[in-house]
């Protein structure tokens, strides 16, 4: 009698003169394990489990520590899988510099490797919250780090008889497994610019994105105007003096330099009105 249960379990037994004799198990590919299913009274049953042929990906915690030099994709390092994250600017990325004055950053407080899967998960979490509570056209999210560092793995065989095929640590350089970003302490991971009314939503969105990263991060409200390098008061002052030239999400500052013939003796800069 042959019974087949779920999860690839095969139960083989034969009744003869009130005794149980295990039948010879057929060769199963991939290799299987045989063990007793019950130790109590009653007929003894053999269980045969088949192992899965596909292995899971090695956890990112194995590559958390920054050890060696950067190892980017190059003509010497070929066959690198594409990073999981492909989009680094989400939302209204073409809005001018005057549209979104408020800015908040998610800053790393660890020196570690951050996988491309973690960056993509954080981007999705932040974008989903901001789109729901602030609106799709009310923010601009930017991922500030890129996964250029290539991770390697020295694959080891785990099937039956693999001891004869493995070479141990001989030639253990490994093949590309994935990519990650090398992050230092104080480096910005994510940045969101929006209007001042949606500042709380931006901070909550980054708080939810924190759970996608390992280690410690801090949410810091920027004193700058949007993604520029100018402070809030300095930007408004320069704008009132007509010295600000919008340049996409950034801004250029017009200096007071000019030809020497136009300057008065003893003055290093031209007047603002010039």
C-alpha atoms as a PDB file:
ATOM      1  CA  UNK A   1       0.000   0.000   0.000  1.00  0.00           C
ATOM      2  CA  UNK A   2       1.382   3.417  -0.979  1.00  0.00           C
ATOM      3  CA  UNK A   3      -0.024   6.628   0.457  1.00  0.00           C
ATOM      4  CA  UNK A   4       1.099  10.083  -0.688  1.00  0.00           C
ATOM      5  CA  UNK A   5       0.530  13.020   1.681  1.00  0.00           C
ATOM      6  CA  UNK A   6       1.051  16.761   1.247  1.00  0.00           C
ATOM      7  CA  UNK A   7       4.490  18.432   1.259  1.00  0.00           C
ATOM      8  CA  UNK A   8       6.109  15.636  -0.704  1.00  0.00           C
ATOM      9  CA  UNK A   9       5.779  13.069   2.082  1.00  0.00           C
ATOM     10  CA  UNK A  10       5.727   9.426   0.982  1.00  0.00           C
ATOM     11  CA  UNK A  11       4.566   6.784   3.423  1.00  0.00           C
ATOM     12  CA  UNK A  12       5.479   3.254   2.487  1.00  0.00           C
ATOM     13  CA  UNK A  13       4.562   0.248   4.570  1.00  0.00           C
ATOM     14  CA  UNK A  14       3.294  -3.302   4.165  1.00  0.00           C
ATOM     15  CA  UNK A  15       1.171  -5.392   6.497  1.00  0.00           C
ATOM     16  CA  UNK A  16       2.033  -9.066   6.657  1.00  0.00           C
ATOM     17  CA  UNK A  17       1.176 -11.371   9.598  1.00  0.00           C
ATOM     18  CA  UNK A  18       0.489  -8.321  11.837  1.00  0.00           C
ATOM     19  CA  UNK A  19       4.016  -7.030  11.272  1.00  0.00           C
ATOM     20  CA  UNK A  20       5.303  -4.020   9.418  1.00  0.00           C
ATOM     21  CA  UNK A  21       8.196  -4.298   6.982  1.00  0.00           C
ATOM     22  CA  UNK A  22       9.555  -1.174   5.313  1.00  0.00           C
ATOM     23  CA  UNK A  23       9.657  -1.371   1.563  1.00  0.00           C
ATOM     24  CA  UNK A  24      12.857  -0.398  -0.257  1.00  0.00           C
ATOM     25  CA  UNK A  25      12.575   3.311  -0.980  1.00  0.00           C
ATOM     26  CA  UNK A  26      12.876   4.397  -4.573  1.00  0.00           C
ATOM     27  CA  UNK A  27      15.662   6.757  -5.513  1.00  0.00           C
ATOM     28  CA  UNK A  28      14.291  10.303  -5.336  1.00  0.00           C
ATOM     29  CA  UNK A  29      15.886  13.378  -6.857  1.00  0.00           C
ATOM     30  CA  UNK A  30      16.758  15.678  -5.131  1.00  0.00           C
ATOM     31  CA  UNK A  31      18.205  13.551  -2.258  1.00  0.00           C
ATOM     32  CA  UNK A  32      15.767  12.640   0.507  1.00  0.00           C
ATOM     33  CA  UNK A  33      15.860  11.756   4.187  1.00  0.00           C
ATOM     34  CA  UNK A  34      14.107   8.788   5.797  1.00  0.00           C
ATOM     35  CA  UNK A  35      13.079   8.750   9.450  1.00  0.00           C
ATOM     36  CA  UNK A  36      10.485   7.178  11.752  1.00  0.00           C
ATOM     37  CA  UNK A  37       7.226   9.110  11.971  1.00  0.00           C
ATOM     38  CA  UNK A  38       6.001   7.572  15.239  1.00  0.00           C
ATOM     39  CA  UNK A  39       7.665   5.832  18.165  1.00  0.00           C
ATOM     40  CA  UNK A  40       4.531   4.735  20.025  1.00  0.00           C
ATOM     41  CA  UNK A  41       2.544   1.531  19.711  1.00  0.00           C
ATOM     42  CA  UNK A  42       0.993   0.632  16.410  1.00  0.00           C
ATOM     43  CA  UNK A  43       2.359   0.115  12.945  1.00  0.00           C
ATOM     44  CA  UNK A  44       5.695   1.792  12.292  1.00  0.00           C
ATOM     45  CA  UNK A  45       5.753   4.256   9.409  1.00  0.00           C
ATOM     46  CA  UNK A  46       8.655   5.489   7.317  1.00  0.00           C
ATOM     47  CA  UNK A  47       8.582   9.130   6.150  1.00  0.00           C
ATOM     48  CA  UNK A  48      10.625  10.304   3.198  1.00  0.00           C
ATOM     49  CA  UNK A  49      11.075  14.076   2.774  1.00  0.00           C
ATOM     50  CA  UNK A  50      12.426  15.637  -0.379  1.00  0.00           C
ATOM     51  CA  UNK A  51      14.573  18.740   0.013  1.00  0.00           C
ATOM     52  CA  UNK A  52      13.881  21.826  -2.049  1.00  0.00           C
ATOM     53  CA  UNK A  53      16.062  22.349  -5.097  1.00  0.00           C
ATOM     54  CA  UNK A  54      16.180  26.150  -4.769  1.00  0.00           C
ATOM     55  CA  UNK A  55      18.043  27.817  -1.942  1.00  0.00           C
ATOM     56  CA  UNK A  56      17.157  31.187  -0.463  1.00  0.00           C
ATOM     57  CA  UNK A  57      19.313  34.269  -0.844  1.00  0.00           C
ATOM     58  CA  UNK A  58      21.990  34.799   1.775  1.00  0.00           C
ATOM     59  CA  UNK A  59      20.754  37.322   4.388  1.00  0.00           C
ATOM     60  CA  UNK A  60      22.095  40.861   4.162  1.00  0.00           C
ATOM     61  CA  UNK A  61      23.282  40.694   7.781  1.00  0.00           C
ATOM     62  CA  UNK A  62      26.186  38.579   6.502  1.00  0.00           C
ATOM     63  CA  UNK A  63      27.460  41.615   4.573  1.00  0.00           C
ATOM     64  CA  UNK A  64      26.625  44.347   7.095  1.00  0.00           C
ATOM     65  CA  UNK A  65      30.177  45.226   8.117  1.00  0.00           C
ATOM     66  CA  UNK A  66      32.403  47.318   5.853  1.00  0.00           C
ATOM     67  CA  UNK A  67      35.595  45.273   5.561  1.00  0.00           C
ATOM     68  CA  UNK A  68      37.451  45.727   2.302  1.00  0.00           C
ATOM     69  CA  UNK A  69      37.940  48.333  -0.378  1.00  0.00           C
ATOM     70  CA  UNK A  70      35.059  49.318  -2.653  1.00  0.00           C
ATOM     71  CA  UNK A  71      34.453  46.695  -5.332  1.00  0.00           C
ATOM     72  CA  UNK A  72      32.334  48.305  -8.072  1.00  0.00           C
ATOM     73  CA  UNK A  73      31.102  46.807 -11.300  1.00  0.00           C
ATOM     74  CA  UNK A  74      33.773  47.003 -13.989  1.00  0.00           C
ATOM     75  CA  UNK A  75      35.254  45.090 -16.883  1.00  0.00           C
ATOM     76  CA  UNK A  76      37.079  42.956 -14.319  1.00  0.00           C
ATOM     77  CA  UNK A  77      33.925  42.369 -12.247  1.00  0.00           C
ATOM     78  CA  UNK A  78      31.322  41.119 -14.684  1.00  0.00           C
ATOM     79  CA  UNK A  79      28.007  39.353 -14.348  1.00  0.00           C
ATOM     80  CA  UNK A  80      26.744  41.599 -11.547  1.00  0.00           C
ATOM     81  CA  UNK A  81      22.959  41.402 -10.940  1.00  0.00           C
ATOM     82  CA  UNK A  82      21.052  44.642 -11.391  1.00  0.00           C
ATOM     83  CA  UNK A  83      20.295  46.483  -8.142  1.00  0.00           C
ATOM     84  CA  UNK A  84      16.777  46.218  -6.818  1.00  0.00           C
ATOM     85  CA  UNK A  85      16.316  49.986  -6.689  1.00  0.00           C
ATOM     86  CA  UNK A  86      16.058  51.653 -10.095  1.00  0.00           C
ATOM     87  CA  UNK A  87      14.272  54.933  -9.228  1.00  0.00           C
ATOM     88  CA  UNK A  88      15.980  57.522  -7.037  1.00  0.00           C
ATOM     89  CA  UNK A  89      13.666  60.529  -7.449  1.00  0.00           C
ATOM     90  CA  UNK A  90       9.967  60.133  -6.637  1.00  0.00           C
ATOM     91  CA  UNK A  91       7.148  62.640  -6.684  1.00  0.00           C
ATOM     92  CA  UNK A  92       7.220  66.114  -8.200  1.00  0.00           C
ATOM     93  CA  UNK A  93      10.911  66.095  -9.059  1.00  0.00           C
ATOM     94  CA  UNK A  94      10.484  68.867 -11.659  1.00  0.00           C
ATOM     95  CA  UNK A  95       8.974  71.377  -9.238  1.00  0.00           C
ATOM     96  CA  UNK A  96      10.966  74.579  -8.923  1.00  0.00           C
ATOM     97  CA  UNK A  97      13.092  75.552  -5.990  1.00  0.00           C
ATOM     98  CA  UNK A  98      10.460  78.009  -4.713  1.00  0.00           C
ATOM     99  CA  UNK A  99       7.684  75.395  -4.535  1.00  0.00           C
ATOM    100  CA  UNK A 100       9.004  73.230  -1.675  1.00  0.00           C
ATOM    101  CA  UNK A 101      10.881  75.223   0.998  1.00  0.00           C
ATOM    102  CA  UNK A 102      10.687  72.582   3.765  1.00  0.00           C
ATOM    103  CA  UNK A 103      13.242  69.756   3.822  1.00  0.00           C
ATOM    104  CA  UNK A 104      13.808  66.781   6.141  1.00  0.00           C
ATOM    105  CA  UNK A 105      16.591  64.180   6.021  1.00  0.00           C
ATOM    106  CA  UNK A 106      17.012  60.588   7.187  1.00  0.00           C
ATOM    107  CA  UNK A 107      20.623  60.413   8.409  1.00  0.00           C
ATOM    108  CA  UNK A 108      22.542  57.204   9.039  1.00  0.00           C
ATOM    109  CA  UNK A 109      24.131  56.812  12.463  1.00  0.00           C
ATOM    110  CA  UNK A 110      26.060  53.646  11.567  1.00  0.00           C
ATOM    111  CA  UNK A 111      29.017  52.748   9.380  1.00  0.00           C
ATOM    112  CA  UNK A 112      27.657  49.800   7.431  1.00  0.00           C
ATOM    113  CA  UNK A 113      26.569  48.361   4.113  1.00  0.00           C
ATOM    114  CA  UNK A 114      22.959  48.958   3.065  1.00  0.00           C
ATOM    115  CA  UNK A 115      21.627  46.572   0.433  1.00  0.00           C
ATOM    116  CA  UNK A 116      19.772  47.732  -2.642  1.00  0.00           C
ATOM    117  CA  UNK A 117      16.723  45.783  -1.423  1.00  0.00           C
ATOM    118  CA  UNK A 118      16.625  47.872   1.769  1.00  0.00           C
ATOM    119  CA  UNK A 119      16.860  51.106  -0.218  1.00  0.00           C
ATOM    120  CA  UNK A 120      13.995  50.040  -2.469  1.00  0.00           C
ATOM    121  CA  UNK A 121      11.829  48.991   0.491  1.00  0.00           C
ATOM    122  CA  UNK A 122      12.439  52.333   2.239  1.00  0.00           C
ATOM    123  CA  UNK A 123      11.647  54.284  -0.921  1.00  0.00           C
ATOM    124  CA  UNK A 124       8.356  52.411  -1.374  1.00  0.00           C
ATOM    125  CA  UNK A 125       7.330  52.888   2.266  1.00  0.00           C
ATOM    126  CA  UNK A 126       8.063  56.622   2.242  1.00  0.00           C
ATOM    127  CA  UNK A 127       6.410  57.191  -1.127  1.00  0.00           C
ATOM    128  CA  UNK A 128       3.276  55.286  -0.132  1.00  0.00           C
ATOM    129  CA  UNK A 129       2.749  57.292   3.060  1.00  0.00           C
ATOM    130  CA  UNK A 130       3.397  60.674   1.445  1.00  0.00           C
ATOM    131  CA  UNK A 131       1.131  59.891  -1.515  1.00  0.00           C
ATOM    132  CA  UNK A 132      -1.697  58.908   0.817  1.00  0.00           C
ATOM    133  CA  UNK A 133      -1.572  61.725   3.367  1.00  0.00           C
ATOM    134  CA  UNK A 134       0.147  64.627   1.591  1.00  0.00           C
ATOM    135  CA  UNK A 135      -0.766  63.942  -2.034  1.00  0.00           C
ATOM    136  CA  UNK A 136       1.158  62.718  -5.043  1.00  0.00           C
ATOM    137  CA  UNK A 137       1.947  66.260  -6.174  1.00  0.00           C
ATOM    138  CA  UNK A 138       2.924  67.662  -2.764  1.00  0.00           C
ATOM    139  CA  UNK A 139       6.443  66.307  -2.229  1.00  0.00           C
ATOM    140  CA  UNK A 140       9.731  65.309  -3.806  1.00  0.00           C
ATOM    141  CA  UNK A 141      11.592  62.285  -2.410  1.00  0.00           C
ATOM    142  CA  UNK A 142      15.225  61.649  -3.287  1.00  0.00           C
ATOM    143  CA  UNK A 143      17.375  58.616  -2.414  1.00  0.00           C
ATOM    144  CA  UNK A 144      20.814  60.039  -1.626  1.00  0.00           C
ATOM    145  CA  UNK A 145      22.937  56.856  -1.733  1.00  0.00           C
ATOM    146  CA  UNK A 146      23.565  54.479  -4.626  1.00  0.00           C
ATOM    147  CA  UNK A 147      24.415  50.765  -4.353  1.00  0.00           C
ATOM    148  CA  UNK A 148      27.702  50.576  -6.279  1.00  0.00           C
ATOM    149  CA  UNK A 149      29.546  48.050  -4.079  1.00  0.00           C
ATOM    150  CA  UNK A 150      29.355  44.456  -5.361  1.00  0.00           C
ATOM    151  CA  UNK A 151      28.823  41.606  -2.889  1.00  0.00           C
ATOM    152  CA  UNK A 152      30.287  38.163  -3.540  1.00  0.00           C
ATOM    153  CA  UNK A 153      29.379  34.640  -2.455  1.00  0.00           C
ATOM    154  CA  UNK A 154      31.370  31.423  -2.568  1.00  0.00           C
ATOM    155  CA  UNK A 155      28.641  28.918  -3.292  1.00  0.00           C
ATOM    156  CA  UNK A 156      28.947  25.573  -1.538  1.00  0.00           C
ATOM    157  CA  UNK A 157      27.130  22.424  -2.601  1.00  0.00           C
ATOM    158  CA  UNK A 158      24.658  21.066  -0.067  1.00  0.00           C
ATOM    159  CA  UNK A 159      23.453  17.929  -1.836  1.00  0.00           C
ATOM    160  CA  UNK A 160      24.380  14.338  -1.015  1.00  0.00           C
ATOM    161  CA  UNK A 161      27.943  13.459  -1.901  1.00  0.00           C
ATOM    162  CA  UNK A 162      29.013  17.085  -2.042  1.00  0.00           C
ATOM    163  CA  UNK A 163      32.095  16.375   0.072  1.00  0.00           C
ATOM    164  CA  UNK A 164      33.831  14.905  -2.948  1.00  0.00           C
ATOM    165  CA  UNK A 165      33.026  17.936  -5.115  1.00  0.00           C
ATOM    166  CA  UNK A 166      33.815  20.791  -2.744  1.00  0.00           C
ATOM    167  CA  UNK A 167      37.267  22.327  -2.608  1.00  0.00           C
ATOM    168  CA  UNK A 168      36.930  24.129   0.737  1.00  0.00           C
ATOM    169  CA  UNK A 169      38.791  27.440   0.836  1.00  0.00           C
ATOM    170  CA  UNK A 170      40.741  26.755  -2.330  1.00  0.00           C
ATOM    171  CA  UNK A 171      39.794  29.398  -4.892  1.00  0.00           C
ATOM    172  CA  UNK A 172      37.211  30.974  -2.576  1.00  0.00           C
ATOM    173  CA  UNK A 173      36.991  34.424  -4.195  1.00  0.00           C
ATOM    174  CA  UNK A 174      33.292  34.009  -4.996  1.00  0.00           C
ATOM    175  CA  UNK A 175      30.909  35.278  -7.635  1.00  0.00           C
ATOM    176  CA  UNK A 176      28.750  38.437  -7.587  1.00  0.00           C
ATOM    177  CA  UNK A 177      25.610  38.088  -5.489  1.00  0.00           C
ATOM    178  CA  UNK A 178      24.162  41.607  -5.334  1.00  0.00           C
ATOM    179  CA  UNK A 179      24.968  45.243  -4.666  1.00  0.00           C
ATOM    180  CA  UNK A 180      24.943  47.529  -1.648  1.00  0.00           C
ATOM    181  CA  UNK A 181      25.767  51.095  -0.638  1.00  0.00           C
ATOM    182  CA  UNK A 182      28.658  51.839   1.719  1.00  0.00           C
ATOM    183  CA  UNK A 183      27.240  54.279   4.278  1.00  0.00           C
ATOM    184  CA  UNK A 184      29.147  56.261   6.892  1.00  0.00           C
ATOM    185  CA  UNK A 185      28.044  58.029  10.060  1.00  0.00           C
ATOM    186  CA  UNK A 186      26.251  61.294   9.325  1.00  0.00           C
ATOM    187  CA  UNK A 187      25.520  60.457   5.693  1.00  0.00           C
ATOM    188  CA  UNK A 188      22.058  61.293   4.383  1.00  0.00           C
ATOM    189  CA  UNK A 189      20.067  58.297   3.127  1.00  0.00           C
ATOM    190  CA  UNK A 190      16.750  59.898   2.124  1.00  0.00           C
ATOM    191  CA  UNK A 191      15.623  63.489   1.684  1.00  0.00           C
ATOM    192  CA  UNK A 192      12.098  64.845   1.299  1.00  0.00           C
ATOM    193  CA  UNK A 193      11.219  68.405   0.306  1.00  0.00           C
ATOM    194  CA  UNK A 194       7.668  69.705   0.543  1.00  0.00           C
ATOM    195  CA  UNK A 195       5.632  72.638   1.799  1.00  0.00           C
ATOM    196  CA  UNK A 196       5.782  73.594   5.447  1.00  0.00           C
ATOM    197  CA  UNK A 197       2.218  72.370   5.997  1.00  0.00           C
ATOM    198  CA  UNK A 198       3.238  68.796   5.148  1.00  0.00           C
ATOM    199  CA  UNK A 199       6.304  68.775   7.373  1.00  0.00           C
ATOM    200  CA  UNK A 200       4.779  66.392   9.915  1.00  0.00           C
ATOM    201  CA  UNK A 201       3.773  63.966   7.176  1.00  0.00           C
ATOM    202  CA  UNK A 202       7.319  63.995   5.798  1.00  0.00           C
ATOM    203  CA  UNK A 203       8.784  63.194   9.209  1.00  0.00           C
ATOM    204  CA  UNK A 204       6.317  60.356   9.739  1.00  0.00           C
ATOM    205  CA  UNK A 205       7.089  58.954   6.282  1.00  0.00           C
ATOM    206  CA  UNK A 206      10.805  58.864   7.071  1.00  0.00           C
ATOM    207  CA  UNK A 207      10.090  57.311  10.461  1.00  0.00           C
ATOM    208  CA  UNK A 208       8.349  54.448   8.685  1.00  0.00           C
ATOM    209  CA  UNK A 209      11.215  54.160   6.224  1.00  0.00           C
ATOM    210  CA  UNK A 210      13.633  53.749   9.153  1.00  0.00           C
ATOM    211  CA  UNK A 211      12.296  50.246   9.795  1.00  0.00           C
ATOM    212  CA  UNK A 212      13.567  49.099   6.404  1.00  0.00           C
ATOM    213  CA  UNK A 213      17.180  49.897   7.305  1.00  0.00           C
ATOM    214  CA  UNK A 214      19.489  48.116   9.736  1.00  0.00           C
ATOM    215  CA  UNK A 215      21.314  49.985  12.468  1.00  0.00           C
ATOM    216  CA  UNK A 216      20.400  53.428  13.759  1.00  0.00           C
ATOM    217  CA  UNK A 217      19.114  56.434  11.851  1.00  0.00           C
ATOM    218  CA  UNK A 218      17.982  59.899  12.866  1.00  0.00           C
ATOM    219  CA  UNK A 219      15.375  62.188  11.331  1.00  0.00           C
ATOM    220  CA  UNK A 220      16.720  65.725  11.052  1.00  0.00           C
ATOM    221  CA  UNK A 221      14.735  68.755   9.922  1.00  0.00           C
ATOM    222  CA  UNK A 222      16.959  70.831   7.676  1.00  0.00           C
ATOM    223  CA  UNK A 223      17.542  74.543   8.184  1.00  0.00           C
ATOM    224  CA  UNK A 224      18.182  74.945   4.472  1.00  0.00           C
ATOM    225  CA  UNK A 225      15.723  75.986   1.799  1.00  0.00           C
ATOM    226  CA  UNK A 226      14.671  72.757   0.099  1.00  0.00           C
ATOM    227  CA  UNK A 227      17.622  70.909  -1.425  1.00  0.00           C
ATOM    228  CA  UNK A 228      19.761  74.070  -1.674  1.00  0.00           C
ATOM    229  CA  UNK A 229      22.765  74.961   0.458  1.00  0.00           C
ATOM    230  CA  UNK A 230      21.235  78.276   1.533  1.00  0.00           C
ATOM    231  CA  UNK A 231      19.478  78.809   4.838  1.00  0.00           C
ATOM    232  CA  UNK A 232      15.843  79.866   4.992  1.00  0.00           C
ATOM    233  CA  UNK A 233      16.551  83.486   5.978  1.00  0.00           C
ATOM    234  CA  UNK A 234      19.548  83.783   3.659  1.00  0.00           C
ATOM    235  CA  UNK A 235      17.513  82.510   0.702  1.00  0.00           C
ATOM    236  CA  UNK A 236      14.696  84.991   1.309  1.00  0.00           C
ATOM    237  CA  UNK A 237      17.190  87.840   1.705  1.00  0.00           C
ATOM    238  CA  UNK A 238      19.003  87.011  -1.538  1.00  0.00           C
ATOM    239  CA  UNK A 239      15.695  86.576  -3.333  1.00  0.00           C
ATOM    240  CA  UNK A 240      14.551  90.028  -2.229  1.00  0.00           C
ATOM    241  CA  UNK A 241      17.812  91.410  -3.665  1.00  0.00           C
ATOM    242  CA  UNK A 242      17.207  89.605  -6.995  1.00  0.00           C
ATOM    243  CA  UNK A 243      20.406  87.598  -6.588  1.00  0.00           C
ATOM    244  CA  UNK A 244      18.748  84.164  -6.858  1.00  0.00           C
ATOM    245  CA  UNK A 245      18.573  82.355 -10.190  1.00  0.00           C
ATOM    246  CA  UNK A 246      16.440  79.163 -10.078  1.00  0.00           C
ATOM    247  CA  UNK A 247      18.273  76.095 -11.378  1.00  0.00           C
ATOM    248  CA  UNK A 248      15.871  73.149 -11.158  1.00  0.00           C
ATOM    249  CA  UNK A 249      15.666  71.929  -7.569  1.00  0.00           C
ATOM    250  CA  UNK A 250      18.669  74.114  -6.727  1.00  0.00           C
ATOM    251  CA  UNK A 251      19.484  77.820  -7.034  1.00  0.00           C
ATOM    252  CA  UNK A 252      22.442  79.886  -8.158  1.00  0.00           C
ATOM    253  CA  UNK A 253      23.582  83.017  -6.364  1.00  0.00           C
ATOM    254  CA  UNK A 254      24.671  86.013  -8.411  1.00  0.00           C
ATOM    255  CA  UNK A 255      27.886  87.532  -7.097  1.00  0.00           C
ATOM    256  CA  UNK A 256      28.921  91.176  -7.025  1.00  0.00           C
ATOM    257  CA  UNK A 257      32.061  90.715  -9.102  1.00  0.00           C
ATOM    258  CA  UNK A 258      32.585  92.492 -12.390  1.00  0.00           C
ATOM    259  CA  UNK A 259      35.115  94.385 -14.527  1.00  0.00           C
ATOM    260  CA  UNK A 260      37.720  96.393 -12.645  1.00  0.00           C
ATOM    261  CA  UNK A 261      36.821  99.513 -14.641  1.00  0.00           C
ATOM    262  CA  UNK A 262      33.360  99.555 -13.075  1.00  0.00           C
ATOM    263  CA  UNK A 263      34.615  99.490  -9.494  1.00  0.00           C
ATOM    264  CA  UNK A 264      35.310 102.524  -7.390  1.00  0.00           C
ATOM    265  CA  UNK A 265      38.772 102.896  -5.855  1.00  0.00           C
ATOM    266  CA  UNK A 266      39.037 101.058  -2.554  1.00  0.00           C
ATOM    267  CA  UNK A 267      36.041  98.751  -3.151  1.00  0.00           C
ATOM    268  CA  UNK A 268      36.366  95.038  -3.836  1.00  0.00           C
ATOM    269  CA  UNK A 269      32.751  94.397  -4.946  1.00  0.00           C
ATOM    270  CA  UNK A 270      30.256  96.162  -7.131  1.00  0.00           C
ATOM    271  CA  UNK A 271      27.038  97.450  -5.548  1.00  0.00           C
ATOM    272  CA  UNK A 272      24.063  95.107  -5.712  1.00  0.00           C
ATOM    273  CA  UNK A 273      22.165  97.397  -8.071  1.00  0.00           C
ATOM    274  CA  UNK A 274      24.958  97.210 -10.662  1.00  0.00           C
END
